[in-house]
Protein backbone atom coordinates (compact mmCIF):
# COMPACT_ATOMS: atom_id res chain seq x y z
CA MET A 1 -10.56 -59.52 -14.88
CA THR A 2 -8.53 -56.34 -14.36
CA ALA A 3 -10.74 -53.07 -14.10
CA ALA A 4 -10.18 -50.47 -16.90
CA LYS A 5 -7.95 -47.52 -15.63
CA PRO A 6 -9.60 -44.09 -15.06
CA TYR A 7 -9.05 -41.61 -17.99
CA THR A 8 -9.27 -37.66 -18.31
CA LEU A 9 -11.41 -36.51 -21.32
CA ALA A 10 -11.08 -32.88 -22.44
CA LEU A 11 -14.32 -31.54 -23.20
CA ALA A 12 -13.10 -28.04 -23.97
CA ASP A 13 -9.86 -26.32 -23.51
CA ASP A 14 -10.61 -25.52 -19.94
CA VAL A 15 -13.11 -28.34 -19.10
CA TYR A 16 -12.33 -31.99 -18.31
CA ALA A 17 -14.18 -35.19 -17.22
CA TYR A 18 -12.45 -37.69 -15.15
CA VAL A 19 -14.16 -41.14 -15.94
CA GLN A 20 -13.75 -44.19 -13.73
CA PRO A 21 -14.92 -47.27 -15.50
CA ASP A 22 -16.80 -49.55 -15.20
CA GLY A 23 -19.06 -46.94 -13.26
CA GLY A 24 -20.44 -49.55 -10.98
CA TRP A 25 -21.10 -49.41 -7.35
CA CYS A 26 -18.89 -46.82 -5.70
CA VAL A 27 -16.82 -46.09 -8.90
CA ASN A 28 -17.93 -42.65 -9.82
CA ASN A 29 -16.99 -39.83 -12.24
CA ALA A 30 -15.55 -36.42 -11.37
CA GLY A 31 -14.49 -33.39 -13.61
CA PHE A 32 -12.66 -30.06 -13.26
CA VAL A 33 -12.74 -26.64 -14.87
CA THR A 34 -9.56 -24.62 -14.98
CA ASP A 35 -8.26 -21.31 -16.32
CA GLY A 36 -4.65 -22.16 -15.58
CA THR A 37 -4.72 -20.22 -12.39
CA ALA A 38 -7.66 -21.60 -10.53
CA THR A 39 -9.43 -24.98 -10.62
CA LEU A 40 -12.98 -26.10 -9.75
CA LEU A 41 -13.37 -29.96 -9.03
CA VAL A 42 -16.64 -31.60 -9.38
CA ASP A 43 -16.71 -34.52 -6.91
CA THR A 44 -14.03 -36.68 -5.54
CA ALA A 45 -13.76 -40.50 -5.03
CA ALA A 46 -14.54 -43.29 -2.65
CA THR A 47 -11.14 -44.12 -1.42
CA GLU A 48 -7.78 -42.70 -0.75
CA ARG A 49 -6.07 -44.43 -3.67
CA ARG A 50 -8.70 -43.23 -6.06
CA THR A 51 -8.74 -39.68 -4.88
CA ARG A 52 -4.95 -39.43 -4.99
CA ALA A 53 -5.09 -40.55 -8.68
CA LEU A 54 -7.61 -38.07 -9.32
CA GLY A 55 -5.31 -35.38 -7.97
CA ALA A 56 -2.51 -36.63 -10.12
CA ALA A 57 -4.74 -36.59 -13.22
CA ILE A 58 -5.60 -32.97 -12.57
CA ALA A 59 -1.95 -31.90 -12.15
CA ALA A 60 -0.92 -33.95 -15.28
CA THR A 61 -3.04 -31.27 -17.28
CA GLY A 62 -1.04 -28.49 -15.93
CA ALA A 63 -4.12 -27.26 -13.78
CA PRO A 64 -3.23 -25.92 -10.33
CA ALA A 65 -4.68 -27.92 -7.24
CA PRO A 66 -8.44 -27.27 -6.93
CA ARG A 67 -9.58 -24.00 -5.20
CA TRP A 68 -13.06 -25.24 -4.97
CA VAL A 69 -14.68 -28.63 -4.75
CA VAL A 70 -18.33 -29.14 -5.55
CA ASN A 71 -20.08 -32.25 -4.15
CA THR A 72 -23.11 -33.28 -6.33
CA HIS A 73 -24.48 -35.29 -3.38
CA HIS A 74 -23.49 -36.82 0.00
CA HIS A 75 -22.61 -40.34 -1.03
CA GLY A 76 -19.23 -41.42 0.00
CA ASP A 77 -17.94 -42.16 -3.65
CA HIS A 78 -18.46 -38.50 -4.46
CA THR A 79 -17.38 -37.01 -0.98
CA TYR A 80 -14.94 -39.13 0.87
CA GLY A 81 -12.01 -37.51 -0.98
CA ASN A 82 -12.82 -34.02 0.25
CA GLY A 83 -10.17 -34.06 2.95
CA PHE A 84 -7.55 -34.62 0.45
CA PHE A 85 -8.18 -31.26 -1.10
CA VAL A 86 -8.54 -28.95 1.92
CA PRO A 87 -7.41 -26.54 3.35
CA ALA A 88 -6.47 -25.34 -0.08
CA ALA A 89 -9.94 -25.82 -1.47
CA THR A 90 -13.45 -24.79 -0.22
CA ILE A 91 -15.93 -27.37 -0.28
CA VAL A 92 -19.25 -26.33 -1.84
CA SER A 93 -22.55 -28.15 -1.83
CA HIS A 94 -26.24 -27.93 -1.24
CA ALA A 95 -27.18 -27.42 2.57
CA ASP A 96 -28.83 -30.64 2.71
CA CYS A 97 -25.83 -32.54 1.17
CA ARG A 98 -23.67 -31.21 3.95
CA ARG A 99 -26.24 -32.31 6.48
CA GLU A 100 -26.60 -35.85 5.15
CA ALA A 101 -22.70 -36.35 4.57
CA LEU A 102 -22.15 -35.61 8.24
CA ALA A 103 -24.90 -37.71 9.38
CA ALA A 104 -24.00 -40.77 7.20
CA GLY A 105 -20.34 -40.57 8.26
CA HIS A 106 -18.48 -43.80 7.03
CA GLN A 107 -21.68 -45.46 5.86
CA LEU A 108 -20.14 -47.16 2.92
CA ALA A 109 -17.69 -49.08 5.18
CA LEU A 110 -20.75 -50.55 6.87
CA ILE A 111 -22.12 -51.63 3.59
CA TRP A 112 -18.84 -52.72 2.04
CA PRO A 113 -16.43 -53.40 5.09
CA GLU A 114 -13.96 -55.21 2.80
CA THR A 115 -13.01 -52.26 0.68
CA ASP A 116 -9.77 -50.42 1.66
CA TYR A 117 -10.91 -46.81 1.91
CA GLY A 118 -7.54 -45.51 3.18
CA ASP A 119 -7.09 -42.57 5.34
CA VAL A 120 -10.61 -40.97 4.56
CA ARG A 121 -12.05 -38.05 6.86
CA ILE A 122 -15.60 -37.24 6.60
CA LEU A 123 -16.06 -33.56 5.79
CA GLY A 124 -19.15 -31.48 4.88
CA ALA A 125 -19.03 -28.42 2.82
CA ASP A 126 -17.57 -25.17 4.04
CA LEU A 127 -20.05 -23.05 1.81
CA THR A 128 -23.70 -24.19 1.12
CA TYR A 129 -26.55 -22.84 -0.77
CA ARG A 130 -30.21 -23.65 -1.11
CA ASP A 131 -31.32 -22.89 -4.78
CA ARG A 132 -28.27 -21.99 -6.84
CA THR A 133 -24.91 -20.17 -6.73
CA THR A 134 -22.17 -19.34 -9.32
CA VAL A 135 -18.50 -20.02 -9.12
CA HIS A 136 -16.42 -17.94 -11.53
CA VAL A 137 -13.37 -19.73 -12.89
CA GLY A 138 -11.79 -17.19 -15.08
CA ALA A 139 -13.96 -16.78 -18.10
CA VAL A 140 -16.18 -19.81 -17.31
CA ASP A 141 -19.22 -19.51 -15.09
CA ALA A 142 -20.00 -22.59 -13.09
CA GLU A 143 -23.51 -22.60 -12.16
CA VAL A 144 -24.23 -24.85 -9.28
CA MET A 145 -27.93 -25.70 -8.98
CA HIS A 146 -30.29 -27.82 -6.94
CA PRO A 147 -32.53 -29.60 -9.26
CA GLY A 148 -34.82 -30.54 -6.47
CA VAL A 149 -35.17 -33.78 -4.56
CA ALA A 150 -34.03 -36.51 -7.07
CA HIS A 151 -31.23 -38.87 -6.53
CA THR A 152 -30.91 -37.62 -2.97
CA VAL A 153 -32.40 -34.59 -1.05
CA GLY A 154 -29.26 -32.53 -1.46
CA ASP A 155 -28.26 -32.92 -5.26
CA SER A 156 -26.43 -30.40 -7.22
CA VAL A 157 -25.59 -30.18 -10.87
CA VAL A 158 -22.82 -28.14 -12.38
CA TRP A 159 -23.75 -26.28 -15.41
CA LEU A 160 -21.17 -24.38 -17.71
CA PRO A 161 -23.37 -22.41 -20.11
CA HIS A 162 -20.62 -21.04 -22.05
CA ARG A 163 -19.27 -24.54 -22.69
CA ARG A 164 -22.71 -26.11 -22.80
CA VAL A 165 -21.38 -28.86 -20.44
CA LEU A 166 -23.43 -30.40 -17.69
CA PHE A 167 -22.15 -32.25 -14.69
CA ALA A 168 -25.16 -34.07 -13.84
CA GLY A 169 -24.08 -36.12 -10.79
CA ASP A 170 -26.07 -39.28 -10.15
CA LEU A 171 -29.08 -37.97 -11.73
CA VAL A 172 -27.80 -39.81 -14.66
CA PHE A 173 -26.20 -43.38 -14.61
CA GLU A 174 -25.12 -43.94 -18.22
CA GLY A 175 -25.27 -47.51 -18.86
CA GLY A 176 -26.44 -48.19 -15.15
CA THR A 177 -29.51 -48.58 -13.35
CA PRO A 178 -30.89 -45.24 -11.91
CA PHE A 179 -31.07 -45.27 -8.17
CA PHE A 180 -33.25 -42.86 -5.97
CA LEU A 181 -33.73 -44.83 -2.78
CA MET A 182 -32.71 -41.84 -0.83
CA GLY A 183 -34.48 -39.14 -3.00
CA SER A 184 -37.64 -39.31 -5.07
CA LEU A 185 -39.12 -40.92 -8.16
CA SER A 186 -41.47 -37.96 -8.80
CA GLY A 187 -38.81 -35.53 -7.99
CA SER A 188 -36.41 -37.37 -10.41
CA LEU A 189 -38.90 -36.76 -13.26
CA ARG A 190 -39.16 -33.16 -12.62
CA ALA A 191 -35.55 -32.76 -12.29
CA LEU A 192 -34.86 -34.30 -15.77
CA GLU A 193 -37.15 -31.54 -17.20
CA ARG A 194 -35.05 -28.89 -15.59
CA LEU A 195 -31.88 -30.54 -17.02
CA ARG A 196 -33.36 -30.72 -20.52
CA ALA A 197 -34.19 -27.09 -20.39
CA LEU A 198 -30.73 -26.04 -19.84
CA GLY A 199 -29.73 -26.92 -23.40
CA ALA A 200 -26.66 -28.98 -22.67
CA GLU A 201 -24.63 -30.50 -25.58
CA THR A 202 -22.27 -32.63 -23.40
CA VAL A 203 -23.42 -34.56 -20.30
CA VAL A 204 -21.02 -35.98 -17.70
CA PRO A 205 -22.89 -38.56 -15.77
CA GLY A 206 -22.15 -39.47 -12.19
CA HIS A 207 -21.36 -42.91 -13.37
CA GLY A 208 -20.61 -44.37 -16.66
CA PRO A 209 -19.09 -42.77 -20.11
CA VAL A 210 -19.60 -39.18 -20.95
CA THR A 211 -22.83 -38.78 -22.99
CA ASP A 212 -25.31 -36.23 -24.41
CA PRO A 213 -28.84 -35.11 -23.55
CA SER A 214 -30.39 -38.27 -25.00
CA ALA A 215 -29.35 -39.70 -21.61
CA PHE A 216 -32.36 -37.84 -20.09
CA ASP A 217 -34.83 -39.75 -22.25
CA ARG A 218 -33.17 -43.17 -21.42
CA THR A 219 -33.42 -42.25 -17.65
CA GLU A 220 -36.91 -41.16 -17.98
CA ARG A 221 -38.03 -44.40 -19.67
CA TYR A 222 -36.68 -46.31 -16.76
CA LEU A 223 -38.41 -44.16 -14.11
CA ARG A 224 -41.68 -44.37 -15.79
CA PHE A 225 -41.26 -48.16 -16.02
CA VAL A 226 -40.61 -48.25 -12.31
CA ALA A 227 -43.78 -46.05 -11.64
CA GLU A 228 -45.90 -48.50 -13.72
CA VAL A 229 -44.46 -51.50 -11.83
CA ALA A 230 -44.93 -49.84 -8.43
CA GLN A 231 -48.52 -48.70 -9.27
CA ARG A 232 -49.59 -52.24 -10.44
CA GLU A 233 -47.81 -54.49 -7.87
CA ARG A 234 -48.50 -52.30 -4.84
CA ALA A 235 -52.18 -52.57 -5.80
CA ALA A 236 -51.85 -56.39 -6.13
CA GLY A 237 -50.37 -56.41 -2.53
CA ARG A 238 -46.95 -57.52 -3.56
CA THR A 239 -43.96 -56.41 -1.54
CA PRO A 240 -41.22 -54.40 -3.30
CA LEU A 241 -39.16 -57.61 -3.46
CA GLU A 242 -42.09 -59.79 -4.73
CA ALA A 243 -42.69 -57.09 -7.34
CA ALA A 244 -39.09 -57.12 -8.48
CA GLU A 245 -38.88 -60.82 -8.66
CA ALA A 246 -41.89 -60.91 -10.91
CA THR A 247 -40.90 -58.21 -13.10
CA ASP A 248 -39.47 -58.71 -16.76
CA LEU A 249 -36.85 -55.96 -17.03
CA GLY A 250 -36.90 -56.21 -20.80
CA ALA A 251 -34.39 -53.80 -22.39
CA PHE A 252 -33.47 -52.38 -18.87
CA ALA A 253 -31.92 -55.94 -17.82
CA GLU A 254 -28.78 -54.84 -19.90
CA LEU A 255 -28.14 -52.10 -17.37
CA ARG A 256 -25.47 -52.52 -14.69
CA GLU A 257 -26.88 -53.07 -11.22
CA SER A 258 -30.13 -54.24 -12.26
CA GLU A 259 -30.95 -55.31 -8.62
CA ARG A 260 -31.44 -51.55 -7.84
CA LEU A 261 -34.95 -52.01 -9.07
CA VAL A 262 -36.02 -53.31 -5.71
CA ALA A 263 -34.56 -50.32 -3.97
CA ASP A 264 -36.24 -48.01 -6.28
CA LEU A 265 -39.55 -49.77 -5.65
CA HIS A 266 -39.16 -49.21 -2.06
CA ARG A 267 -39.11 -45.52 -2.63
CA ALA A 268 -41.91 -45.64 -5.23
CA TYR A 269 -44.19 -47.58 -2.88
CA ALA A 270 -43.55 -45.01 -0.04
CA GLU A 271 -44.54 -42.16 -2.33
CA LEU A 272 -47.65 -44.16 -3.45
CA GLY A 273 -48.28 -44.48 0.30
CA GLY A 274 -48.20 -40.58 0.88
CA LEU A 275 -44.64 -40.27 2.30
CA PRO A 276 -43.16 -36.87 1.22
CA GLU A 277 -40.41 -36.89 -1.38
CA GLY A 278 -37.11 -37.49 0.07
CA ALA A 279 -38.41 -38.41 3.64
CA PRO A 280 -35.97 -40.78 5.18
CA LEU A 281 -36.34 -44.64 4.44
CA ASP A 282 -34.36 -47.20 6.43
CA PRO A 283 -31.85 -48.36 3.66
CA LEU A 284 -30.97 -51.70 5.07
CA PRO A 285 -34.22 -53.58 3.98
CA ALA A 286 -33.61 -52.21 0.58
CA PHE A 287 -30.19 -53.37 0.54
CA ARG A 288 -31.10 -56.79 1.72
CA ASP A 289 -33.61 -57.09 -1.07
CA MET A 290 -30.91 -56.20 -3.57
CA ALA A 291 -28.74 -58.84 -2.23
CA VAL A 292 -31.59 -61.45 -2.70
CA LEU A 293 -32.02 -60.27 -6.33
CA ASN A 294 -28.30 -60.33 -6.74
CA GLY A 295 -28.28 -64.18 -6.11
CA GLY A 296 -28.24 -64.02 -2.46
CA GLU A 297 -25.05 -62.12 -2.18
CA MET A 298 -24.47 -58.53 -1.18
CA VAL A 299 -24.00 -56.27 -4.06
CA THR A 300 -20.35 -55.60 -4.91
CA SER A 301 -18.49 -52.48 -4.57
CA HIS A 302 -16.10 -51.89 -7.50
CA ALA A 303 -13.90 -49.28 -5.50
């Protein structure tokens, strides 16, 4: 089956979402803000081919090449394209995102070596912040904020208060299973409260179709479901894999990448055991467990 083509969605005269269906593993969304003389890009893509298509989509709207690129977190599907926009663009991220991006390197190629990434350079941010910063794109204030440890330790969201648009990064997977192996369950719940308080009308998720604030409720329901499963199954002495295999996902079975449950349980178990939010976990056991849940095969990159 041929994958659907990416598309550009105008959210306002000066704000666009770039959506890559189907939003599965390594197929992320991006977006951009432009006043016709300057452009801010939110995230890039996992491969050279996808990043060049993103650049062409920006140019097709008449917007100039990005002056700034904000990385919402360090994962390669959001950062591997950084090198295609420098030196014209300044890369912006949370300080921990820069650190994690440089430390991870070509990590996606270790997990999915069959993917053709193209000529990808690993670049961390040129400009970092700790709590929040603002990039001014003409009349639009793009507020770049750290919501706390959530999807990862170095997440950013981009909030456009004058347009009521929020680029939520991977704090929201619309139609997909939330994933916080490298972040925090409890931190993700707190982050959702911060996002709700912004008063967004339009939410651009890190993966999946553009949505609205109801996505926060859907995400929270899953997070609380994972918390309940972890509490019960850990107390019963089951491993994360045993717990996941014994769990009826119910309505959550309809979400893409349902195998992420076991990775999320690895993090939830760690927090129940007293590990600090965002403390490093070896991702390999979680990915092996996801492969078991995926019928014994490694989860498939869609990039």
